[in-house]
Amino acid sequence: MSEVTSRRVVLQPSAAEIIFAWFQRVVAGYCLLFGILYWIRLIGFYPGPLWRFDLMPVHWQVAAVMLAVFFPFAAAGLWMLASWGPVIWFICAATEIVMYAGFPNLFGHRLLIIASHAAVALLYIVFRVVIWLQKRQARR
């Protein structure tokens, strides 16, 4: 064996990095689903009160349009594991948290959505810290 081949560094993703990639893809699936649900609301496919754009109050029109565009965009970024995917997801999550926690009299109470966004954010932070610690340990 030559000296060059004995010093080769093999770049393999850790188990945490592989699980993190799949976690991002699962979140991407949910983002796509939320985006589709907002588009259904905008086009009036579902026969219910305030489920058509022209019948919505202005605050719902603004929120629904923004989230109908941003959620599929976040899904694409998360699925591709792009660095901007979590940023766009964070904008969507922060918007919904402000909607449902900050203005419940306008948008209603959706504690499950708030809790799910908080859980995803917490898991994301845990994954990033674990991966950072693994890389720091590998450098030593």
N, C-alpha and C. Protein backbone atom coordinates (compact mmCIF):
# COMPACT_ATOMS: atom_id res chain seq x y z
N MET A 1 0.84 -1.17 0.00
CA MET A 1 0.00 0.00 0.00
C MET A 1 0.89 1.23 0.00
N SER A 2 0.55 2.17 -0.83
CA SER A 2 1.36 3.37 -0.89
C SER A 2 0.97 4.32 0.24
N GLU A 3 1.81 5.31 0.41
CA GLU A 3 1.60 6.28 1.49
C GLU A 3 0.36 7.13 1.23
N VAL A 4 0.05 7.42 -0.03
CA VAL A 4 -1.09 8.25 -0.38
C VAL A 4 -2.40 7.54 -0.06
N THR A 5 -2.50 6.25 -0.40
CA THR A 5 -3.74 5.53 -0.15
C THR A 5 -3.95 5.26 1.33
N SER A 6 -2.92 5.17 2.11
CA SER A 6 -3.11 4.91 3.53
C SER A 6 -3.59 6.15 4.28
N ARG A 7 -3.40 7.34 3.71
CA ARG A 7 -3.84 8.57 4.37
C ARG A 7 -5.14 9.11 3.80
N ARG A 8 -5.81 8.35 2.96
CA ARG A 8 -7.07 8.81 2.37
C ARG A 8 -8.15 8.91 3.43
N VAL A 9 -8.90 9.98 3.33
CA VAL A 9 -10.01 10.19 4.26
C VAL A 9 -11.28 9.77 3.54
N VAL A 10 -12.03 8.91 4.15
CA VAL A 10 -13.28 8.45 3.57
C VAL A 10 -14.39 9.36 4.10
N LEU A 11 -15.10 9.98 3.18
CA LEU A 11 -16.18 10.88 3.56
C LEU A 11 -17.51 10.14 3.49
N GLN A 12 -17.96 9.65 4.59
CA GLN A 12 -19.24 8.96 4.69
C GLN A 12 -20.12 9.74 5.65
N PRO A 13 -21.39 9.92 5.30
CA PRO A 13 -22.28 10.61 6.25
C PRO A 13 -22.51 9.74 7.48
N SER A 14 -22.63 10.40 8.62
CA SER A 14 -22.91 9.68 9.86
C SER A 14 -24.38 9.27 9.89
N ALA A 15 -24.71 8.43 10.84
CA ALA A 15 -26.10 8.01 10.99
C ALA A 15 -27.00 9.21 11.28
N ALA A 16 -26.51 10.14 12.08
CA ALA A 16 -27.29 11.34 12.40
C ALA A 16 -27.55 12.17 11.14
N GLU A 17 -26.57 12.27 10.26
CA GLU A 17 -26.75 13.03 9.02
C GLU A 17 -27.75 12.35 8.08
N ILE A 18 -27.74 11.04 8.04
CA ILE A 18 -28.68 10.30 7.20
C ILE A 18 -30.10 10.46 7.75
N ILE A 19 -30.26 10.32 9.06
CA ILE A 19 -31.58 10.48 9.67
C ILE A 19 -32.06 11.92 9.51
N PHE A 20 -31.15 12.88 9.63
CA PHE A 20 -31.50 14.29 9.47
C PHE A 20 -32.00 14.56 8.05
N ALA A 21 -31.37 13.95 7.06
CA ALA A 21 -31.81 14.12 5.67
C ALA A 21 -33.23 13.57 5.50
N TRP A 22 -33.50 12.42 6.08
CA TRP A 22 -34.85 11.86 5.97
C TRP A 22 -35.86 12.68 6.77
N PHE A 23 -35.44 13.22 7.90
CA PHE A 23 -36.30 14.11 8.68
C PHE A 23 -36.70 15.32 7.85
N GLN A 24 -35.74 15.91 7.15
CA GLN A 24 -36.05 17.07 6.31
C GLN A 24 -37.01 16.68 5.19
N ARG A 25 -36.88 15.50 4.66
CA ARG A 25 -37.78 15.07 3.58
C ARG A 25 -39.19 14.79 4.10
N VAL A 26 -39.31 14.29 5.31
CA VAL A 26 -40.64 14.11 5.90
C VAL A 26 -41.30 15.47 6.12
N VAL A 27 -40.54 16.42 6.64
CA VAL A 27 -41.06 17.78 6.83
C VAL A 27 -41.43 18.38 5.47
N ALA A 28 -40.66 18.08 4.43
CA ALA A 28 -40.98 18.57 3.09
C ALA A 28 -42.33 18.04 2.63
N GLY A 29 -42.61 16.78 2.93
CA GLY A 29 -43.91 16.21 2.57
C GLY A 29 -45.06 16.94 3.26
N TYR A 30 -44.86 17.24 4.54
CA TYR A 30 -45.89 17.99 5.27
C TYR A 30 -46.03 19.41 4.72
N CYS A 31 -44.93 20.03 4.35
CA CYS A 31 -45.01 21.38 3.78
C CYS A 31 -45.77 21.36 2.46
N LEU A 32 -45.53 20.34 1.65
CA LEU A 32 -46.27 20.23 0.39
C LEU A 32 -47.77 20.03 0.65
N LEU A 33 -48.08 19.20 1.65
CA LEU A 33 -49.48 18.99 2.00
C LEU A 33 -50.13 20.30 2.47
N PHE A 34 -49.44 21.04 3.34
CA PHE A 34 -49.98 22.32 3.80
C PHE A 34 -50.15 23.30 2.65
N GLY A 35 -49.19 23.31 1.73
CA GLY A 35 -49.30 24.18 0.57
C GLY A 35 -50.51 23.84 -0.28
N ILE A 36 -50.73 22.55 -0.50
CA ILE A 36 -51.89 22.11 -1.27
C ILE A 36 -53.19 22.50 -0.57
N LEU A 37 -53.21 22.36 0.75
CA LEU A 37 -54.41 22.73 1.50
C LEU A 37 -54.69 24.23 1.40
N TYR A 38 -53.64 25.04 1.41
CA TYR A 38 -53.86 26.48 1.24
C TYR A 38 -54.32 26.80 -0.18
N TRP A 39 -53.80 26.07 -1.18
CA TRP A 39 -54.26 26.30 -2.55
C TRP A 39 -55.72 25.88 -2.71
N ILE A 40 -56.11 24.79 -2.05
CA ILE A 40 -57.52 24.36 -2.08
C ILE A 40 -58.39 25.46 -1.50
N ARG A 41 -57.92 26.07 -0.43
CA ARG A 41 -58.67 27.16 0.18
C ARG A 41 -58.78 28.35 -0.78
N LEU A 42 -57.70 28.64 -1.49
CA LEU A 42 -57.71 29.81 -2.38
C LEU A 42 -58.62 29.63 -3.59
N ILE A 43 -58.62 28.45 -4.17
CA ILE A 43 -59.41 28.25 -5.39
C ILE A 43 -60.86 27.90 -5.10
N GLY A 44 -61.20 27.67 -3.83
CA GLY A 44 -62.58 27.41 -3.47
C GLY A 44 -63.05 26.02 -3.80
N PHE A 45 -62.16 25.04 -3.81
CA PHE A 45 -62.52 23.66 -4.16
C PHE A 45 -63.39 23.03 -3.08
N TYR A 46 -63.16 23.41 -1.84
CA TYR A 46 -63.89 22.86 -0.71
C TYR A 46 -65.11 23.71 -0.44
N PRO A 47 -66.32 23.14 -0.38
CA PRO A 47 -67.52 23.94 -0.17
C PRO A 47 -67.76 24.24 1.30
N GLY A 48 -67.18 25.29 1.79
CA GLY A 48 -67.36 25.67 3.18
C GLY A 48 -67.31 27.17 3.32
N PRO A 49 -67.68 27.68 4.48
CA PRO A 49 -67.63 29.13 4.67
C PRO A 49 -66.19 29.61 4.68
N LEU A 50 -65.95 30.71 4.04
CA LEU A 50 -64.63 31.34 3.95
C LEU A 50 -63.59 30.46 3.27
N TRP A 51 -64.03 29.52 2.45
CA TRP A 51 -63.08 28.66 1.76
C TRP A 51 -62.92 29.09 0.30
N ARG A 52 -63.25 30.29 0.01
CA ARG A 52 -63.02 30.83 -1.32
C ARG A 52 -62.37 32.19 -1.17
N PHE A 53 -61.42 32.48 -2.03
CA PHE A 53 -60.63 33.70 -1.89
C PHE A 53 -61.50 34.94 -1.84
N ASP A 54 -62.49 35.04 -2.69
CA ASP A 54 -63.30 36.25 -2.73
C ASP A 54 -64.23 36.41 -1.53
N LEU A 55 -64.43 35.34 -0.76
CA LEU A 55 -65.27 35.41 0.43
C LEU A 55 -64.47 35.57 1.72
N MET A 56 -63.15 35.46 1.62
CA MET A 56 -62.31 35.55 2.81
C MET A 56 -62.14 37.00 3.26
N PRO A 57 -61.98 37.20 4.57
CA PRO A 57 -61.58 38.53 5.03
C PRO A 57 -60.15 38.84 4.55
N VAL A 58 -59.79 40.09 4.54
CA VAL A 58 -58.49 40.50 4.00
C VAL A 58 -57.33 39.84 4.75
N HIS A 59 -57.44 39.72 6.08
CA HIS A 59 -56.33 39.10 6.82
C HIS A 59 -56.12 37.64 6.40
N TRP A 60 -57.20 36.92 6.10
CA TRP A 60 -57.05 35.55 5.61
C TRP A 60 -56.53 35.52 4.18
N GLN A 61 -56.93 36.48 3.37
CA GLN A 61 -56.43 36.53 1.99
C GLN A 61 -54.92 36.68 1.97
N VAL A 62 -54.41 37.60 2.77
CA VAL A 62 -52.96 37.84 2.81
C VAL A 62 -52.23 36.60 3.30
N ALA A 63 -52.69 36.04 4.41
CA ALA A 63 -52.01 34.87 4.98
C ALA A 63 -52.09 33.66 4.05
N ALA A 64 -53.25 33.41 3.48
CA ALA A 64 -53.41 32.23 2.63
C ALA A 64 -52.57 32.32 1.36
N VAL A 65 -52.52 33.49 0.75
CA VAL A 65 -51.72 33.65 -0.47
C VAL A 65 -50.25 33.45 -0.16
N MET A 66 -49.77 34.07 0.91
CA MET A 66 -48.36 33.95 1.26
C MET A 66 -47.99 32.50 1.57
N LEU A 67 -48.80 31.82 2.36
CA LEU A 67 -48.49 30.45 2.75
C LEU A 67 -48.69 29.47 1.60
N ALA A 68 -49.63 29.75 0.69
CA ALA A 68 -49.82 28.88 -0.47
C ALA A 68 -48.61 28.90 -1.39
N VAL A 69 -47.89 30.00 -1.41
CA VAL A 69 -46.68 30.10 -2.23
C VAL A 69 -45.46 29.59 -1.47
N PHE A 70 -45.34 29.96 -0.20
CA PHE A 70 -44.13 29.63 0.55
C PHE A 70 -44.03 28.17 0.97
N PHE A 71 -45.14 27.53 1.33
CA PHE A 71 -45.06 26.13 1.77
C PHE A 71 -44.52 25.20 0.67
N PRO A 72 -45.01 25.25 -0.57
CA PRO A 72 -44.41 24.38 -1.60
C PRO A 72 -42.95 24.74 -1.88
N PHE A 73 -42.62 26.02 -1.79
CA PHE A 73 -41.24 26.45 -1.98
C PHE A 73 -40.34 25.87 -0.88
N ALA A 74 -40.83 25.89 0.36
CA ALA A 74 -40.10 25.29 1.48
C ALA A 74 -39.96 23.78 1.27
N ALA A 75 -41.01 23.15 0.77
CA ALA A 75 -40.98 21.71 0.53
C ALA A 75 -39.89 21.36 -0.48
N ALA A 76 -39.79 22.14 -1.53
CA ALA A 76 -38.75 21.88 -2.54
C ALA A 76 -37.36 22.03 -1.93
N GLY A 77 -37.14 23.08 -1.16
CA GLY A 77 -35.83 23.29 -0.55
C GLY A 77 -35.47 22.22 0.47
N LEU A 78 -36.44 21.80 1.27
CA LEU A 78 -36.18 20.75 2.25
C LEU A 78 -35.93 19.41 1.56
N TRP A 79 -36.68 19.10 0.51
CA TRP A 79 -36.49 17.83 -0.19
C TRP A 79 -35.11 17.76 -0.84
N MET A 80 -34.66 18.87 -1.38
CA MET A 80 -33.34 18.89 -2.03
C MET A 80 -32.20 19.05 -1.02
N LEU A 81 -32.54 19.19 0.25
CA LEU A 81 -31.57 19.40 1.32
C LEU A 81 -30.77 20.69 1.10
N ALA A 82 -31.42 21.67 0.48
CA ALA A 82 -30.77 22.96 0.23
C ALA A 82 -30.74 23.76 1.52
N SER A 83 -29.76 24.63 1.63
CA SER A 83 -29.60 25.40 2.86
C SER A 83 -30.73 26.40 3.06
N TRP A 84 -31.40 26.79 2.00
CA TRP A 84 -32.49 27.77 2.12
C TRP A 84 -33.82 27.12 2.46
N GLY A 85 -33.93 25.81 2.37
CA GLY A 85 -35.18 25.12 2.68
C GLY A 85 -35.65 25.34 4.11
N PRO A 86 -34.79 25.11 5.11
CA PRO A 86 -35.22 25.36 6.48
C PRO A 86 -35.53 26.84 6.76
N VAL A 87 -34.88 27.74 6.05
CA VAL A 87 -35.15 29.17 6.24
C VAL A 87 -36.57 29.49 5.78
N ILE A 88 -36.96 28.99 4.62
CA ILE A 88 -38.31 29.24 4.12
C ILE A 88 -39.33 28.54 5.01
N TRP A 89 -39.01 27.32 5.47
CA TRP A 89 -39.92 26.65 6.40
C TRP A 89 -40.09 27.49 7.66
N PHE A 90 -39.01 28.06 8.17
CA PHE A 90 -39.08 28.88 9.38
C PHE A 90 -40.00 30.09 9.16
N ILE A 91 -39.95 30.69 7.99
CA ILE A 91 -40.83 31.82 7.68
C ILE A 91 -42.29 31.36 7.72
N CYS A 92 -42.56 30.19 7.13
CA CYS A 92 -43.93 29.66 7.15
C CYS A 92 -44.37 29.34 8.58
N ALA A 93 -43.50 28.68 9.33
CA ALA A 93 -43.85 28.31 10.70
C ALA A 93 -44.06 29.55 11.56
N ALA A 94 -43.18 30.53 11.44
CA ALA A 94 -43.33 31.75 12.22
C ALA A 94 -44.62 32.47 11.85
N THR A 95 -44.97 32.47 10.58
CA THR A 95 -46.21 33.11 10.15
C THR A 95 -47.42 32.42 10.77
N GLU A 96 -47.44 31.09 10.72
CA GLU A 96 -48.59 30.39 11.30
C GLU A 96 -48.62 30.52 12.83
N ILE A 97 -47.48 30.53 13.46
CA ILE A 97 -47.46 30.72 14.91
C ILE A 97 -47.99 32.10 15.28
N VAL A 98 -47.59 33.12 14.53
CA VAL A 98 -48.11 34.47 14.79
C VAL A 98 -49.61 34.51 14.51
N MET A 99 -50.05 33.83 13.45
CA MET A 99 -51.48 33.83 13.13
C MET A 99 -52.30 33.21 14.26
N TYR A 100 -51.91 32.01 14.67
CA TYR A 100 -52.75 31.25 15.60
C TYR A 100 -52.48 31.55 17.07
N ALA A 101 -51.28 31.99 17.41
CA ALA A 101 -50.98 32.34 18.81
C ALA A 101 -51.13 33.83 19.06
N GLY A 102 -50.77 34.64 18.08
CA GLY A 102 -50.81 36.08 18.26
C GLY A 102 -52.16 36.71 17.97
N PHE A 103 -52.89 36.12 17.03
CA PHE A 103 -54.19 36.68 16.63
C PHE A 103 -55.26 35.59 16.60
N PRO A 104 -55.51 34.94 17.72
CA PRO A 104 -56.51 33.86 17.71
C PRO A 104 -57.93 34.35 17.44
N ASN A 105 -58.20 35.62 17.72
CA ASN A 105 -59.54 36.15 17.45
C ASN A 105 -59.78 36.32 15.95
N LEU A 106 -58.72 36.43 15.15
CA LEU A 106 -58.86 36.55 13.70
C LEU A 106 -58.75 35.21 12.98
N PHE A 107 -57.81 34.38 13.42
CA PHE A 107 -57.51 33.14 12.70
C PHE A 107 -57.97 31.87 13.41
N GLY A 108 -58.38 31.99 14.65
CA GLY A 108 -58.81 30.82 15.40
C GLY A 108 -57.68 30.24 16.23
N HIS A 109 -58.04 29.26 17.04
CA HIS A 109 -57.06 28.58 17.90
C HIS A 109 -56.66 27.27 17.23
N ARG A 110 -55.42 27.14 16.90
CA ARG A 110 -54.90 25.89 16.32
C ARG A 110 -53.65 25.50 17.09
N LEU A 111 -53.85 25.00 18.29
CA LEU A 111 -52.73 24.65 19.16
C LEU A 111 -51.89 23.52 18.57
N LEU A 112 -52.51 22.61 17.84
CA LEU A 112 -51.78 21.49 17.24
C LEU A 112 -50.76 21.97 16.21
N ILE A 113 -51.13 22.96 15.42
CA ILE A 113 -50.19 23.50 14.43
C ILE A 113 -49.02 24.18 15.12
N ILE A 114 -49.32 24.96 16.17
CA ILE A 114 -48.25 25.63 16.92
C ILE A 114 -47.31 24.60 17.53
N ALA A 115 -47.87 23.57 18.15
CA ALA A 115 -47.06 22.52 18.78
C ALA A 115 -46.24 21.75 17.75
N SER A 116 -46.82 21.48 16.59
CA SER A 116 -46.06 20.73 15.58
C SER A 116 -44.89 21.55 15.04
N HIS A 117 -45.11 22.85 14.82
CA HIS A 117 -44.00 23.69 14.37
C HIS A 117 -42.91 23.77 15.44
N ALA A 118 -43.31 23.88 16.70
CA ALA A 118 -42.32 23.93 17.79
C ALA A 118 -41.55 22.62 17.87
N ALA A 119 -42.23 21.49 17.70
CA ALA A 119 -41.57 20.19 17.76
C ALA A 119 -40.58 20.02 16.60
N VAL A 120 -40.98 20.43 15.42
CA VAL A 120 -40.08 20.33 14.26
C VAL A 120 -38.86 21.23 14.47
N ALA A 121 -39.07 22.44 14.96
CA ALA A 121 -37.94 23.35 15.22
C ALA A 121 -37.00 22.77 16.27
N LEU A 122 -37.56 22.19 17.32
CA LEU A 122 -36.73 21.59 18.37
C LEU A 122 -35.93 20.40 17.83
N LEU A 123 -36.58 19.55 17.06
CA LEU A 123 -35.86 18.41 16.46
C LEU A 123 -34.76 18.88 15.51
N TYR A 124 -35.05 19.92 14.75
CA TYR A 124 -34.05 20.47 13.84
C TYR A 124 -32.83 20.96 14.61
N ILE A 125 -33.05 21.67 15.70
CA ILE A 125 -31.94 22.17 16.52
C ILE A 125 -31.16 21.02 17.12
N VAL A 126 -31.86 20.00 17.61
CA VAL A 126 -31.17 18.83 18.19
C VAL A 126 -30.30 18.15 17.14
N PHE A 127 -30.84 17.93 15.95
CA PHE A 127 -30.05 17.31 14.88
C PHE A 127 -28.81 18.14 14.56
N ARG A 128 -28.98 19.45 14.41
CA ARG A 128 -27.83 20.30 14.06
C ARG A 128 -26.77 20.28 15.15
N VAL A 129 -27.18 20.28 16.42
CA VAL A 129 -26.21 20.24 17.52
C VAL A 129 -25.48 18.90 17.54
N VAL A 130 -26.22 17.80 17.37
CA VAL A 130 -25.58 16.47 17.36
C VAL A 130 -24.59 16.36 16.20
N ILE A 131 -24.97 16.80 15.02
CA ILE A 131 -24.06 16.73 13.87
C ILE A 131 -22.85 17.62 14.09
N TRP A 132 -23.05 18.79 14.67
CA TRP A 132 -21.91 19.69 14.96
C TRP A 132 -20.96 19.05 15.97
N LEU A 133 -21.51 18.42 17.01
CA LEU A 133 -20.66 17.76 18.01
C LEU A 133 -19.89 16.59 17.40
N GLN A 134 -20.54 15.83 16.52
CA GLN A 134 -19.86 14.72 15.87
C GLN A 134 -18.71 15.21 14.99
N LYS A 135 -18.95 16.28 14.26
CA LYS A 135 -17.89 16.81 13.39
C LYS A 135 -16.76 17.40 14.22
N ARG A 136 -17.09 18.05 15.32
CA ARG A 136 -16.04 18.61 16.19
C ARG A 136 -15.21 17.49 16.80
N GLN A 137 -15.86 16.41 17.20
CA GLN A 137 -15.15 15.26 17.77
C GLN A 137 -14.26 14.59 16.70
N ALA A 138 -14.74 14.52 15.48
CA ALA A 138 -13.96 13.89 14.40
C ALA A 138 -12.73 14.72 14.04
N ARG A 139 -12.82 16.05 14.19
CA ARG A 139 -11.67 16.90 13.90
C ARG A 139 -10.55 16.73 14.93
N ARG A 140 -10.91 16.33 16.13
CA ARG A 140 -9.90 16.18 17.20
C ARG A 140 -9.16 14.92 17.11
